[in-house]
Amino acid sequence: MITFVEPLGVMIAGDYLSDIEFPYIYYSSIEYEKTLMKAKKLISERKAKILIPGHGRTTDLPEEMNQRVDDAFSYIRNLRTALVHNEGDQINKLIENRPFLRKLRSYHLSNQELIKRELNLSD
């Protein structure tokens, strides 16, 4: 869930738009992307002044907010592509430069399993 405090232009992003984490997809990658599109609109149309993620740094730079949205889209799309083509090296590269990698690896594996189910891919 993302909360937007309109009078202040504050976007509280919960588990979205972190600068240190990739998307944690709990329900659906397609629904996650729809939420990212809504975040993009809040940034551009509602003129978000500050983004507060649940984890990571706060930012007041619109270009950084947009970059975080783009990075999240990129992670999801690249993960889908790598899974379809069974590119294990590419799958691992998607998170290799993230901090706290040992802890985050399980979320990356969960994302893989969820997207495999969505795409009807088997191991």
PDB file of N, CA and C in Angstrom:
ATOM      1  N   MET A   1       0.835  -1.176   0.000  1.00  0.00           N
ATOM      2  CA  MET A   1       0.000   0.000   0.000  1.00  0.00           C
ATOM      3  C   MET A   1       0.884   1.245   0.000  1.00  0.00           C
ATOM      4  N   ILE A   2       0.488   2.209  -0.778  1.00  0.00           N
ATOM      5  CA  ILE A   2       1.139   3.510  -0.805  1.00  0.00           C
ATOM      6  C   ILE A   2       0.115   4.540  -0.336  1.00  0.00           C
ATOM      7  N   THR A   3       0.514   5.364   0.614  1.00  0.00           N
ATOM      8  CA  THR A   3      -0.356   6.415   1.121  1.00  0.00           C
ATOM      9  C   THR A   3       0.175   7.759   0.636  1.00  0.00           C
ATOM     10  N   PHE A   4      -0.736   8.588   0.113  1.00  0.00           N
ATOM     11  CA  PHE A   4      -0.339   9.918  -0.364  1.00  0.00           C
ATOM     12  C   PHE A   4      -1.051  10.956   0.474  1.00  0.00           C
ATOM     13  N   VAL A   5      -0.292  11.773   1.177  1.00  0.00           N
ATOM     14  CA  VAL A   5      -0.835  12.860   1.994  1.00  0.00           C
ATOM     15  C   VAL A   5      -0.847  14.092   1.098  1.00  0.00           C
ATOM     16  N   GLU A   6      -1.987  14.309   0.461  1.00  0.00           N
ATOM     17  CA  GLU A   6      -2.081  15.294  -0.609  1.00  0.00           C
ATOM     18  C   GLU A   6      -1.708  16.715  -0.214  1.00  0.00           C
ATOM     19  N   PRO A   7      -2.192  17.247   0.902  1.00  0.00           N
ATOM     20  CA  PRO A   7      -1.848  18.646   1.195  1.00  0.00           C
ATOM     21  C   PRO A   7      -0.345  18.883   1.337  1.00  0.00           C
ATOM     22  N   LEU A   8       0.377  17.840   1.732  1.00  0.00           N
ATOM     23  CA  LEU A   8       1.815  17.984   1.948  1.00  0.00           C
ATOM     24  C   LEU A   8       2.651  17.439   0.790  1.00  0.00           C
ATOM     25  N   GLY A   9       2.018  16.673  -0.097  1.00  0.00           N
ATOM     26  CA  GLY A   9       2.757  16.049  -1.193  1.00  0.00           C
ATOM     27  C   GLY A   9       3.670  14.937  -0.727  1.00  0.00           C
ATOM     28  N   VAL A  10       3.298  14.292   0.369  1.00  0.00           N
ATOM     29  CA  VAL A  10       4.123  13.233   0.948  1.00  0.00           C
ATOM     30  C   VAL A  10       3.598  11.873   0.508  1.00  0.00           C
ATOM     31  N   MET A  11       4.483  11.075  -0.063  1.00  0.00           N
ATOM     32  CA  MET A  11       4.137   9.723  -0.489  1.00  0.00           C
ATOM     33  C   MET A  11       4.845   8.735   0.438  1.00  0.00           C
ATOM     34  N   ILE A  12       4.060   8.005   1.217  1.00  0.00           N
ATOM     35  CA  ILE A  12       4.585   6.989   2.120  1.00  0.00           C
ATOM     36  C   ILE A  12       4.412   5.654   1.408  1.00  0.00           C
ATOM     37  N   ALA A  13       5.536   5.051   1.023  1.00  0.00           N
ATOM     38  CA  ALA A  13       5.499   3.947   0.065  1.00  0.00           C
ATOM     39  C   ALA A  13       5.518   2.544   0.665  1.00  0.00           C
ATOM     40  N   GLY A  14       5.570   2.408   1.967  1.00  0.00           N
ATOM     41  CA  GLY A  14       5.551   1.065   2.549  1.00  0.00           C
ATOM     42  C   GLY A  14       6.667   0.208   1.977  1.00  0.00           C
ATOM     43  N   ASP A  15       6.305  -0.961   1.435  1.00  0.00           N
ATOM     44  CA  ASP A  15       7.295  -1.881   0.880  1.00  0.00           C
ATOM     45  C   ASP A  15       7.632  -1.588  -0.583  1.00  0.00           C
ATOM     46  N   TYR A  16       7.273  -0.445  -1.075  1.00  0.00           N
ATOM     47  CA  TYR A  16       7.552  -0.067  -2.457  1.00  0.00           C
ATOM     48  C   TYR A  16       8.645   1.003  -2.504  1.00  0.00           C
ATOM     49  N   LEU A  17       9.343   1.044  -3.632  1.00  0.00           N
ATOM     50  CA  LEU A  17      10.239   2.151  -4.013  1.00  0.00           C
ATOM     51  C   LEU A  17      11.413   2.383  -3.063  1.00  0.00           C
ATOM     52  N   SER A  18      11.949   1.302  -2.540  1.00  0.00           N
ATOM     53  CA  SER A  18      13.149   1.380  -1.720  1.00  0.00           C
ATOM     54  C   SER A  18      14.370   1.560  -2.610  1.00  0.00           C
ATOM     55  N   ASP A  19      15.360   2.240  -2.109  1.00  0.00           N
ATOM     56  CA  ASP A  19      16.614   2.368  -2.843  1.00  0.00           C
ATOM     57  C   ASP A  19      17.597   1.250  -2.484  1.00  0.00           C
ATOM     58  N   ILE A  20      17.232   0.395  -1.521  1.00  0.00           N
ATOM     59  CA  ILE A  20      18.122  -0.698  -1.119  1.00  0.00           C
ATOM     60  C   ILE A  20      17.526  -2.081  -1.357  1.00  0.00           C
ATOM     61  N   GLU A  21      16.252  -2.158  -1.679  1.00  0.00           N
ATOM     62  CA  GLU A  21      15.603  -3.443  -1.890  1.00  0.00           C
ATOM     63  C   GLU A  21      14.972  -3.502  -3.272  1.00  0.00           C
ATOM     64  N   PHE A  22      14.865  -4.684  -3.806  1.00  0.00           N
ATOM     65  CA  PHE A  22      14.119  -4.923  -5.034  1.00  0.00           C
ATOM     66  C   PHE A  22      12.671  -5.208  -4.632  1.00  0.00           C
ATOM     67  N   PRO A  23      11.743  -5.271  -5.565  1.00  0.00           N
ATOM     68  CA  PRO A  23      10.343  -5.542  -5.198  1.00  0.00           C
ATOM     69  C   PRO A  23      10.158  -6.884  -4.481  1.00  0.00           C
ATOM     70  N   TYR A  24       9.394  -6.861  -3.422  1.00  0.00           N
ATOM     71  CA  TYR A  24       8.949  -8.087  -2.756  1.00  0.00           C
ATOM     72  C   TYR A  24       7.520  -8.300  -3.227  1.00  0.00           C
ATOM     73  N   ILE A  25       7.322  -9.283  -4.060  1.00  0.00           N
ATOM     74  CA  ILE A  25       6.022  -9.500  -4.687  1.00  0.00           C
ATOM     75  C   ILE A  25       5.300 -10.607  -3.921  1.00  0.00           C
ATOM     76  N   TYR A  26       4.263 -10.247  -3.213  1.00  0.00           N
ATOM     77  CA  TYR A  26       3.569 -11.222  -2.375  1.00  0.00           C
ATOM     78  C   TYR A  26       2.347 -11.827  -3.054  1.00  0.00           C
ATOM     79  N   TYR A  27       1.728 -11.105  -3.967  1.00  0.00           N
ATOM     80  CA  TYR A  27       0.455 -11.552  -4.518  1.00  0.00           C
ATOM     81  C   TYR A  27       0.506 -11.757  -6.028  1.00  0.00           C
ATOM     82  N   SER A  28       0.891 -10.742  -6.773  1.00  0.00           N
ATOM     83  CA  SER A  28       0.865 -10.799  -8.229  1.00  0.00           C
ATOM     84  C   SER A  28       1.838  -9.772  -8.798  1.00  0.00           C
ATOM     85  N   SER A  29       2.664 -10.197  -9.734  1.00  0.00           N
ATOM     86  CA  SER A  29       3.590  -9.235 -10.348  1.00  0.00           C
ATOM     87  C   SER A  29       2.834  -8.228 -11.210  1.00  0.00           C
ATOM     88  N   ILE A  30       1.732  -8.643 -11.775  1.00  0.00           N
ATOM     89  CA  ILE A  30       0.920  -7.738 -12.598  1.00  0.00           C
ATOM     90  C   ILE A  30       0.280  -6.664 -11.728  1.00  0.00           C
ATOM     91  N   GLU A  31      -0.250  -7.059 -10.593  1.00  0.00           N
ATOM     92  CA  GLU A  31      -0.832  -6.081  -9.665  1.00  0.00           C
ATOM     93  C   GLU A  31       0.257  -5.173  -9.093  1.00  0.00           C
ATOM     94  N   TYR A  32       1.430  -5.722  -8.883  1.00  0.00           N
ATOM     95  CA  TYR A  32       2.546  -4.907  -8.404  1.00  0.00           C
ATOM     96  C   TYR A  32       2.864  -3.824  -9.429  1.00  0.00           C
ATOM     97  N   GLU A  33       2.885  -4.199 -10.698  1.00  0.00           N
ATOM     98  CA  GLU A  33       3.152  -3.218 -11.752  1.00  0.00           C
ATOM     99  C   GLU A  33       2.047  -2.158 -11.822  1.00  0.00           C
ATOM    100  N   LYS A  34       0.807  -2.545 -11.584  1.00  0.00           N
ATOM    101  CA  LYS A  34      -0.285  -1.564 -11.562  1.00  0.00           C
ATOM    102  C   LYS A  34      -0.067  -0.550 -10.435  1.00  0.00           C
ATOM    103  N   THR A  35       0.412  -1.038  -9.301  1.00  0.00           N
ATOM    104  CA  THR A  35       0.700  -0.131  -8.190  1.00  0.00           C
ATOM    105  C   THR A  35       1.850   0.805  -8.556  1.00  0.00           C
ATOM    106  N   LEU A  36       2.852   0.285  -9.259  1.00  0.00           N
ATOM    107  CA  LEU A  36       3.957   1.135  -9.708  1.00  0.00           C
ATOM    108  C   LEU A  36       3.464   2.231 -10.654  1.00  0.00           C
ATOM    109  N   MET A  37       2.517   1.893 -11.519  1.00  0.00           N
ATOM    110  CA  MET A  37       1.947   2.898 -12.427  1.00  0.00           C
ATOM    111  C   MET A  37       1.220   3.997 -11.636  1.00  0.00           C
ATOM    112  N   LYS A  38       0.518   3.594 -10.594  1.00  0.00           N
ATOM    113  CA  LYS A  38      -0.155   4.587  -9.742  1.00  0.00           C
ATOM    114  C   LYS A  38       0.879   5.476  -9.050  1.00  0.00           C
ATOM    115  N   ALA A  39       1.970   4.882  -8.604  1.00  0.00           N
ATOM    116  CA  ALA A  39       3.038   5.672  -7.968  1.00  0.00           C
ATOM    117  C   ALA A  39       3.615   6.673  -8.965  1.00  0.00           C
ATOM    118  N   LYS A  40       3.803   6.236 -10.197  1.00  0.00           N
ATOM    119  CA  LYS A  40       4.336   7.121 -11.242  1.00  0.00           C
ATOM    120  C   LYS A  40       3.409   8.332 -11.436  1.00  0.00           C
ATOM    121  N   LYS A  41       2.087   8.072 -11.408  1.00  0.00           N
ATOM    122  CA  LYS A  41       1.119   9.173 -11.544  1.00  0.00           C
ATOM    123  C   LYS A  41       1.184  10.122 -10.347  1.00  0.00           C
ATOM    124  N   LEU A  42       1.332   9.573  -9.155  1.00  0.00           N
ATOM    125  CA  LEU A  42       1.433  10.427  -7.971  1.00  0.00           C
ATOM    126  C   LEU A  42       2.652  11.347  -8.072  1.00  0.00           C
ATOM    127  N   ILE A  43       3.721  10.799  -8.610  1.00  0.00           N
ATOM    128  CA  ILE A  43       4.950  11.595  -8.750  1.00  0.00           C
ATOM    129  C   ILE A  43       4.760  12.688  -9.800  1.00  0.00           C
ATOM    130  N   SER A  44       4.197  12.325 -10.940  1.00  0.00           N
ATOM    131  CA  SER A  44       4.114  13.295 -12.045  1.00  0.00           C
ATOM    132  C   SER A  44       2.883  14.192 -11.973  1.00  0.00           C
ATOM    133  N   GLU A  45       1.715  13.611 -11.715  1.00  0.00           N
ATOM    134  CA  GLU A  45       0.481  14.411 -11.754  1.00  0.00           C
ATOM    135  C   GLU A  45       0.171  15.108 -10.440  1.00  0.00           C
ATOM    136  N   ARG A  46       0.435  14.448  -9.347  1.00  0.00           N
ATOM    137  CA  ARG A  46       0.130  15.035  -8.038  1.00  0.00           C
ATOM    138  C   ARG A  46       1.328  15.745  -7.443  1.00  0.00           C
ATOM    139  N   LYS A  47       2.442  15.664  -8.145  1.00  0.00           N
ATOM    140  CA  LYS A  47       3.667  16.372  -7.749  1.00  0.00           C
ATOM    141  C   LYS A  47       4.134  15.997  -6.337  1.00  0.00           C
ATOM    142  N   ALA A  48       4.374  14.703  -6.155  1.00  0.00           N
ATOM    143  CA  ALA A  48       4.905  14.248  -4.866  1.00  0.00           C
ATOM    144  C   ALA A  48       6.151  15.052  -4.528  1.00  0.00           C
ATOM    145  N   LYS A  49       6.195  15.548  -3.313  1.00  0.00           N
ATOM    146  CA  LYS A  49       7.325  16.371  -2.876  1.00  0.00           C
ATOM    147  C   LYS A  49       8.365  15.557  -2.123  1.00  0.00           C
ATOM    148  N   ILE A  50       7.897  14.486  -1.499  1.00  0.00           N
ATOM    149  CA  ILE A  50       8.824  13.642  -0.743  1.00  0.00           C
ATOM    150  C   ILE A  50       8.317  12.203  -0.778  1.00  0.00           C
ATOM    151  N   LEU A  51       9.249  11.278  -0.940  1.00  0.00           N
ATOM    152  CA  LEU A  51       8.968   9.848  -0.936  1.00  0.00           C
ATOM    153  C   LEU A  51       9.603   9.245   0.300  1.00  0.00           C
ATOM    154  N   ILE A  52       8.779   8.562   1.078  1.00  0.00           N
ATOM    155  CA  ILE A  52       9.264   7.891   2.281  1.00  0.00           C
ATOM    156  C   ILE A  52       9.024   6.397   2.105  1.00  0.00           C
ATOM    157  N   PRO A  53      10.085   5.629   1.798  1.00  0.00           N
ATOM    158  CA  PRO A  53       9.906   4.179   1.676  1.00  0.00           C
ATOM    159  C   PRO A  53       9.936   3.523   3.052  1.00  0.00           C
ATOM    160  N   GLY A  54       9.438   2.306   3.116  1.00  0.00           N
ATOM    161  CA  GLY A  54       9.494   1.570   4.378  1.00  0.00           C
ATOM    162  C   GLY A  54      10.921   1.240   4.787  1.00  0.00           C
ATOM    163  N   HIS A  55      11.782   1.046   3.800  1.00  0.00           N
ATOM    164  CA  HIS A  55      13.195   0.744   4.041  1.00  0.00           C
ATOM    165  C   HIS A  55      14.021   1.562   3.061  1.00  0.00           C
ATOM    166  N   GLY A  56      15.106   2.101   3.537  1.00  0.00           N
ATOM    167  CA  GLY A  56      15.976   2.885   2.665  1.00  0.00           C
ATOM    168  C   GLY A  56      15.827   4.373   2.912  1.00  0.00           C
ATOM    169  N   ARG A  57      16.430   5.123   1.995  1.00  0.00           N
ATOM    170  CA  ARG A  57      16.488   6.576   2.162  1.00  0.00           C
ATOM    171  C   ARG A  57      15.236   7.273   1.630  1.00  0.00           C
ATOM    172  N   THR A  58      14.866   8.329   2.310  1.00  0.00           N
ATOM    173  CA  THR A  58      13.823   9.242   1.857  1.00  0.00           C
ATOM    174  C   THR A  58      14.427  10.113   0.758  1.00  0.00           C
ATOM    175  N   THR A  59      13.578  10.541  -0.192  1.00  0.00           N
ATOM    176  CA  THR A  59      14.072  11.448  -1.226  1.00  0.00           C
ATOM    177  C   THR A  59      13.039  12.517  -1.535  1.00  0.00           C
ATOM    178  N   ASP A  60      13.532  13.679  -1.920  1.00  0.00           N
ATOM    179  CA  ASP A  60      12.657  14.761  -2.378  1.00  0.00           C
ATOM    180  C   ASP A  60      12.941  15.107  -3.832  1.00  0.00           C
ATOM    181  N   LEU A  61      13.690  14.249  -4.514  1.00  0.00           N
ATOM    182  CA  LEU A  61      14.048  14.477  -5.913  1.00  0.00           C
ATOM    183  C   LEU A  61      13.129  13.682  -6.840  1.00  0.00           C
ATOM    184  N   PRO A  62      12.312  14.369  -7.652  1.00  0.00           N
ATOM    185  CA  PRO A  62      11.399  13.655  -8.552  1.00  0.00           C
ATOM    186  C   PRO A  62      12.111  12.673  -9.478  1.00  0.00           C
ATOM    187  N   GLU A  63      13.315  13.049  -9.951  1.00  0.00           N
ATOM    188  CA  GLU A  63      14.032  12.131 -10.849  1.00  0.00           C
ATOM    189  C   GLU A  63      14.443  10.855 -10.133  1.00  0.00           C
ATOM    190  N   GLU A  64      14.774  10.940  -8.852  1.00  0.00           N
ATOM    191  CA  GLU A  64      15.112   9.740  -8.087  1.00  0.00           C
ATOM    192  C   GLU A  64      13.856   8.909  -7.823  1.00  0.00           C
ATOM    193  N   MET A  65      12.751   9.549  -7.541  1.00  0.00           N
ATOM    194  CA  MET A  65      11.489   8.830  -7.353  1.00  0.00           C
ATOM    195  C   MET A  65      11.149   8.039  -8.618  1.00  0.00           C
ATOM    196  N   ASN A  66      11.236   8.711  -9.752  1.00  0.00           N
ATOM    197  CA  ASN A  66      10.948   8.049 -11.027  1.00  0.00           C
ATOM    198  C   ASN A  66      11.937   6.929 -11.313  1.00  0.00           C
ATOM    199  N   GLN A  67      13.188   7.129 -10.962  1.00  0.00           N
ATOM    200  CA  GLN A  67      14.193   6.081 -11.173  1.00  0.00           C
ATOM    201  C   GLN A  67      13.868   4.845 -10.341  1.00  0.00           C
ATOM    202  N   ARG A  68      13.383   5.034  -9.133  1.00  0.00           N
ATOM    203  CA  ARG A  68      13.015   3.892  -8.290  1.00  0.00           C
ATOM    204  C   ARG A  68      11.844   3.124  -8.896  1.00  0.00           C
ATOM    205  N   VAL A  69      10.886   3.854  -9.457  1.00  0.00           N
ATOM    206  CA  VAL A  69       9.776   3.188 -10.150  1.00  0.00           C
ATOM    207  C   VAL A  69      10.328   2.401 -11.338  1.00  0.00           C
ATOM    208  N   ASP A  70      11.162   3.026 -12.132  1.00  0.00           N
ATOM    209  CA  ASP A  70      11.747   2.370 -13.303  1.00  0.00           C
ATOM    210  C   ASP A  70      12.574   1.150 -12.910  1.00  0.00           C
ATOM    211  N   ASP A  71      13.328   1.258 -11.830  1.00  0.00           N
ATOM    212  CA  ASP A  71      14.133   0.127 -11.366  1.00  0.00           C
ATOM    213  C   ASP A  71      13.249  -1.052 -10.958  1.00  0.00           C
ATOM    214  N   ALA A  72      12.139  -0.769 -10.303  1.00  0.00           N
ATOM    215  CA  ALA A  72      11.223  -1.833  -9.895  1.00  0.00           C
ATOM    216  C   ALA A  72      10.604  -2.516 -11.120  1.00  0.00           C
ATOM    217  N   PHE A  73      10.159  -1.709 -12.084  1.00  0.00           N
ATOM    218  CA  PHE A  73       9.634  -2.280 -13.339  1.00  0.00           C
ATOM    219  C   PHE A  73      10.692  -3.146 -14.011  1.00  0.00           C
ATOM    220  N   SER A  74      11.897  -2.644 -14.076  1.00  0.00           N
ATOM    221  CA  SER A  74      12.984  -3.353 -14.733  1.00  0.00           C
ATOM    222  C   SER A  74      13.252  -4.701 -14.060  1.00  0.00           C
ATOM    223  N   TYR A  75      13.298  -4.706 -12.733  1.00  0.00           N
ATOM    224  CA  TYR A  75      13.512  -5.961 -12.000  1.00  0.00           C
ATOM    225  C   TYR A  75      12.446  -6.989 -12.381  1.00  0.00           C
ATOM    226  N   ILE A  76      11.195  -6.592 -12.338  1.00  0.00           N
ATOM    227  CA  ILE A  76      10.100  -7.528 -12.624  1.00  0.00           C
ATOM    228  C   ILE A  76      10.179  -8.033 -14.061  1.00  0.00           C
ATOM    229  N   ARG A  77      10.329  -7.136 -14.986  1.00  0.00           N
ATOM    230  CA  ARG A  77      10.360  -7.531 -16.407  1.00  0.00           C
ATOM    231  C   ARG A  77      11.581  -8.383 -16.733  1.00  0.00           C
ATOM    232  N   ASN A  78      12.723  -8.013 -16.199  1.00  0.00           N
ATOM    233  CA  ASN A  78      13.933  -8.804 -16.440  1.00  0.00           C
ATOM    234  C   ASN A  78      13.856 -10.177 -15.779  1.00  0.00           C
ATOM    235  N   LEU A  79      13.234 -10.244 -14.608  1.00  0.00           N
ATOM    236  CA  LEU A  79      13.054 -11.537 -13.952  1.00  0.00           C
ATOM    237  C   LEU A  79      12.134 -12.427 -14.783  1.00  0.00           C
ATOM    238  N   ARG A  80      11.041 -11.875 -15.283  1.00  0.00           N
ATOM    239  CA  ARG A  80      10.142 -12.655 -16.152  1.00  0.00           C
ATOM    240  C   ARG A  80      10.898 -13.208 -17.364  1.00  0.00           C
ATOM    241  N   THR A  81      11.625 -12.332 -18.031  1.00  0.00           N
ATOM    242  CA  THR A  81      12.353 -12.731 -19.238  1.00  0.00           C
ATOM    243  C   THR A  81      13.372 -13.826 -18.926  1.00  0.00           C
ATOM    244  N   ALA A  82      14.128 -13.653 -17.859  1.00  0.00           N
ATOM    245  CA  ALA A  82      15.147 -14.635 -17.490  1.00  0.00           C
ATOM    246  C   ALA A  82      14.513 -15.980 -17.135  1.00  0.00           C
ATOM    247  N   LEU A  83      13.364 -15.961 -16.486  1.00  0.00           N
ATOM    248  CA  LEU A  83      12.682 -17.207 -16.141  1.00  0.00           C
ATOM    249  C   LEU A  83      12.160 -17.911 -17.382  1.00  0.00           C
ATOM    250  N   VAL A  84      11.576 -17.161 -18.295  1.00  0.00           N
ATOM    251  CA  VAL A  84      11.054 -17.744 -19.537  1.00  0.00           C
ATOM    252  C   VAL A  84      12.174 -18.421 -20.315  1.00  0.00           C
ATOM    253  N   HIS A  85      13.340 -17.783 -20.348  1.00  0.00           N
ATOM    254  CA  HIS A  85      14.469 -18.308 -21.119  1.00  0.00           C
ATOM    255  C   HIS A  85      15.406 -19.179 -20.276  1.00  0.00           C
ATOM    256  N   ASN A  86      15.003 -19.430 -19.023  1.00  0.00           N
ATOM    257  CA  ASN A  86      15.770 -20.276 -18.111  1.00  0.00           C
ATOM    258  C   ASN A  86      17.237 -19.827 -18.014  1.00  0.00           C
ATOM    259  N   GLU A  87      17.421 -18.537 -17.781  1.00  0.00           N
ATOM    260  CA  GLU A  87      18.752 -17.929 -17.706  1.00  0.00           C
ATOM    261  C   GLU A  87      19.141 -17.702 -16.245  1.00  0.00           C
ATOM    262  N   GLY A  88      19.621 -18.768 -15.607  1.00  0.00           N
ATOM    263  CA  GLY A  88      19.979 -18.707 -14.189  1.00  0.00           C
ATOM    264  C   GLY A  88      20.972 -17.618 -13.850  1.00  0.00           C
ATOM    265  N   ASP A  89      21.971 -17.410 -14.710  1.00  0.00           N
ATOM    266  CA  ASP A  89      22.962 -16.362 -14.443  1.00  0.00           C
ATOM    267  C   ASP A  89      22.312 -14.981 -14.422  1.00  0.00           C
ATOM    268  N   GLN A  90      21.424 -14.733 -15.363  1.00  0.00           N
ATOM    269  CA  GLN A  90      20.725 -13.437 -15.422  1.00  0.00           C
ATOM    270  C   GLN A  90      19.835 -13.241 -14.200  1.00  0.00           C
ATOM    271  N   ILE A  91      19.186 -14.308 -13.765  1.00  0.00           N
ATOM    272  CA  ILE A  91      18.324 -14.244 -12.585  1.00  0.00           C
ATOM    273  C   ILE A  91      19.149 -13.806 -11.372  1.00  0.00           C
ATOM    274  N   ASN A  92      20.302 -14.405 -11.199  1.00  0.00           N
ATOM    275  CA  ASN A  92      21.161 -14.071 -10.053  1.00  0.00           C
ATOM    276  C   ASN A  92      21.731 -12.664 -10.151  1.00  0.00           C
ATOM    277  N   LYS A  93      22.028 -12.199 -11.359  1.00  0.00           N
ATOM    278  CA  LYS A  93      22.595 -10.863 -11.543  1.00  0.00           C
ATOM    279  C   LYS A  93      21.616  -9.757 -11.154  1.00  0.00           C
ATOM    280  N   LEU A  94      20.332 -10.065 -11.161  1.00  0.00           N
ATOM    281  CA  LEU A  94      19.328  -9.040 -10.846  1.00  0.00           C
ATOM    282  C   LEU A  94      19.469  -8.492  -9.434  1.00  0.00           C
ATOM    283  N   ILE A  95      20.073  -9.268  -8.545  1.00  0.00           N
ATOM    284  CA  ILE A  95      20.192  -8.809  -7.154  1.00  0.00           C
ATOM    285  C   ILE A  95      21.621  -8.780  -6.649  1.00  0.00           C
ATOM    286  N   GLU A  96      22.599  -9.049  -7.482  1.00  0.00           N
ATOM    287  CA  GLU A  96      23.965  -9.237  -7.005  1.00  0.00           C
ATOM    288  C   GLU A  96      24.578  -8.005  -6.328  1.00  0.00           C
ATOM    289  N   ASN A  97      24.131  -6.814  -6.652  1.00  0.00           N
ATOM    290  CA  ASN A  97      24.728  -5.611  -6.057  1.00  0.00           C
ATOM    291  C   ASN A  97      23.897  -5.025  -4.924  1.00  0.00           C
ATOM    292  N   ARG A  98      22.950  -5.770  -4.431  1.00  0.00           N
ATOM    293  CA  ARG A  98      22.096  -5.264  -3.349  1.00  0.00           C
ATOM    294  C   ARG A  98      22.757  -5.466  -1.992  1.00  0.00           C
ATOM    295  N   PRO A  99      22.566  -4.505  -1.088  1.00  0.00           N
ATOM    296  CA  PRO A  99      23.048  -4.719   0.284  1.00  0.00           C
ATOM    297  C   PRO A  99      22.181  -5.781   0.967  1.00  0.00           C
ATOM    298  N   PHE A 100      22.688  -6.382   2.002  1.00  0.00           N
ATOM    299  CA  PHE A 100      21.954  -7.384   2.783  1.00  0.00           C
ATOM    300  C   PHE A 100      21.539  -8.584   1.918  1.00  0.00           C
ATOM    301  N   LEU A 101      22.397  -8.943   0.973  1.00  0.00           N
ATOM    302  CA  LEU A 101      22.054  -9.958  -0.017  1.00  0.00           C
ATOM    303  C   LEU A 101      21.657 -11.291   0.607  1.00  0.00           C
ATOM    304  N   ARG A 102      22.356 -11.726   1.636  1.00  0.00           N
ATOM    305  CA  ARG A 102      22.037 -13.019   2.228  1.00  0.00           C
ATOM    306  C   ARG A 102      20.591 -13.052   2.730  1.00  0.00           C
ATOM    307  N   LYS A 103      20.137 -11.983   3.332  1.00  0.00           N
ATOM    308  CA  LYS A 103      18.770 -11.906   3.835  1.00  0.00           C
ATOM    309  C   LYS A 103      17.758 -11.755   2.692  1.00  0.00           C
ATOM    310  N   LEU A 104      18.118 -11.014   1.662  1.00  0.00           N
ATOM    311  CA  LEU A 104      17.185 -10.720   0.569  1.00  0.00           C
ATOM    312  C   LEU A 104      17.014 -11.877  -0.415  1.00  0.00           C
ATOM    313  N   ARG A 105      17.965 -12.791  -0.451  1.00  0.00           N
ATOM    314  CA  ARG A 105      17.923 -13.884  -1.414  1.00  0.00           C
ATOM    315  C   ARG A 105      16.614 -14.682  -1.330  1.00  0.00           C
ATOM    316  N   SER A 106      16.095 -14.897  -0.130  1.00  0.00           N
ATOM    317  CA  SER A 106      14.849 -15.678   0.008  1.00  0.00           C
ATOM    318  C   SER A 106      13.666 -14.949  -0.644  1.00  0.00           C
ATOM    319  N   TYR A 107      13.655 -13.617  -0.593  1.00  0.00           N
ATOM    320  CA  TYR A 107      12.580 -12.861  -1.249  1.00  0.00           C
ATOM    321  C   TYR A 107      12.703 -12.964  -2.767  1.00  0.00           C
ATOM    322  N   HIS A 108      13.916 -12.967  -3.256  1.00  0.00           N
ATOM    323  CA  HIS A 108      14.159 -13.121  -4.690  1.00  0.00           C
ATOM    324  C   HIS A 108      13.679 -14.504  -5.149  1.00  0.00           C
ATOM    325  N   LEU A 109      13.963 -15.533  -4.364  1.00  0.00           N
ATOM    326  CA  LEU A 109      13.489 -16.881  -4.698  1.00  0.00           C
ATOM    327  C   LEU A 109      11.961 -16.955  -4.669  1.00  0.00           C
ATOM    328  N   SER A 110      11.351 -16.303  -3.703  1.00  0.00           N
ATOM    329  CA  SER A 110       9.881 -16.266  -3.637  1.00  0.00           C
ATOM    330  C   SER A 110       9.302 -15.565  -4.858  1.00  0.00           C
ATOM    331  N   ASN A 111       9.932 -14.470  -5.279  1.00  0.00           N
ATOM    332  CA  ASN A 111       9.480 -13.767  -6.482  1.00  0.00           C
ATOM    333  C   ASN A 111       9.564 -14.685  -7.697  1.00  0.00           C
ATOM    334  N   GLN A 112      10.648 -15.448  -7.784  1.00  0.00           N
ATOM    335  CA  GLN A 112      10.802 -16.373  -8.907  1.00  0.00           C
ATOM    336  C   GLN A 112       9.676 -17.404  -8.936  1.00  0.00           C
ATOM    337  N   GLU A 113       9.393 -17.980  -7.793  1.00  0.00           N
ATOM    338  CA  GLU A 113       8.337 -19.005  -7.724  1.00  0.00           C
ATOM    339  C   GLU A 113       6.975 -18.420  -8.088  1.00  0.00           C
ATOM    340  N   LEU A 114       6.685 -17.247  -7.599  1.00  0.00           N
ATOM    341  CA  LEU A 114       5.411 -16.601  -7.904  1.00  0.00           C
ATOM    342  C   LEU A 114       5.281 -16.334  -9.402  1.00  0.00           C
ATOM    343  N   ILE A 115       6.304 -15.787 -10.009  1.00  0.00           N
ATOM    344  CA  ILE A 115       6.244 -15.472 -11.441  1.00  0.00           C
ATOM    345  C   ILE A 115       6.213 -16.747 -12.272  1.00  0.00           C
ATOM    346  N   LYS A 116       6.905 -17.781 -11.845  1.00  0.00           N
ATOM    347  CA  LYS A 116       6.821 -19.069 -12.550  1.00  0.00           C
ATOM    348  C   LYS A 116       5.373 -19.568 -12.564  1.00  0.00           C
ATOM    349  N   ARG A 117       4.696 -19.459 -11.424  1.00  0.00           N
ATOM    350  CA  ARG A 117       3.285 -19.875 -11.360  1.00  0.00           C
ATOM    351  C   ARG A 117       2.432 -19.016 -12.295  1.00  0.00           C
ATOM    352  N   GLU A 118       2.668 -17.708 -12.289  1.00  0.00           N
ATOM    353  CA  GLU A 118       1.907 -16.812 -13.157  1.00  0.00           C
ATOM    354  C   GLU A 118       2.094 -17.167 -14.629  1.00  0.00           C
ATOM    355  N   LEU A 119       3.291 -17.572 -14.981  1.00  0.00           N
ATOM    356  CA  LEU A 119       3.621 -17.871 -16.372  1.00  0.00           C
ATOM    357  C   LEU A 119       3.460 -19.357 -16.731  1.00  0.00           C
ATOM    358  N   ASN A 120       2.999 -20.142 -15.749  1.00  0.00           N
ATOM    359  CA  ASN A 120       2.846 -21.591 -15.931  1.00  0.00           C
ATOM    360  C   ASN A 120       4.147 -22.250 -16.379  1.00  0.00           C
ATOM    361  N   LEU A 121       5.235 -21.863 -15.722  1.00  0.00           N
ATOM    362  CA  LEU A 121       6.534 -22.456 -16.000  1.00  0.00           C
ATOM    363  C   LEU A 121       6.821 -23.527 -14.968  1.00  0.00           C
ATOM    364  N   SER A 122       7.406 -24.602 -15.396  1.00  0.00           N
ATOM    365  CA  SER A 122       7.810 -25.638 -14.442  1.00  0.00           C
ATOM    366  C   SER A 122       9.325 -25.679 -14.369  1.00  0.00           C
ATOM    367  N   ASP A 123       9.835 -26.256 -13.292  1.00  0.00           N
ATOM    368  CA  ASP A 123      11.307 -26.347 -13.118  1.00  0.00           C
ATOM    369  C   ASP A 123      11.916 -27.341 -14.064  1.00  0.00           C
TER     370      ASP A 123
END
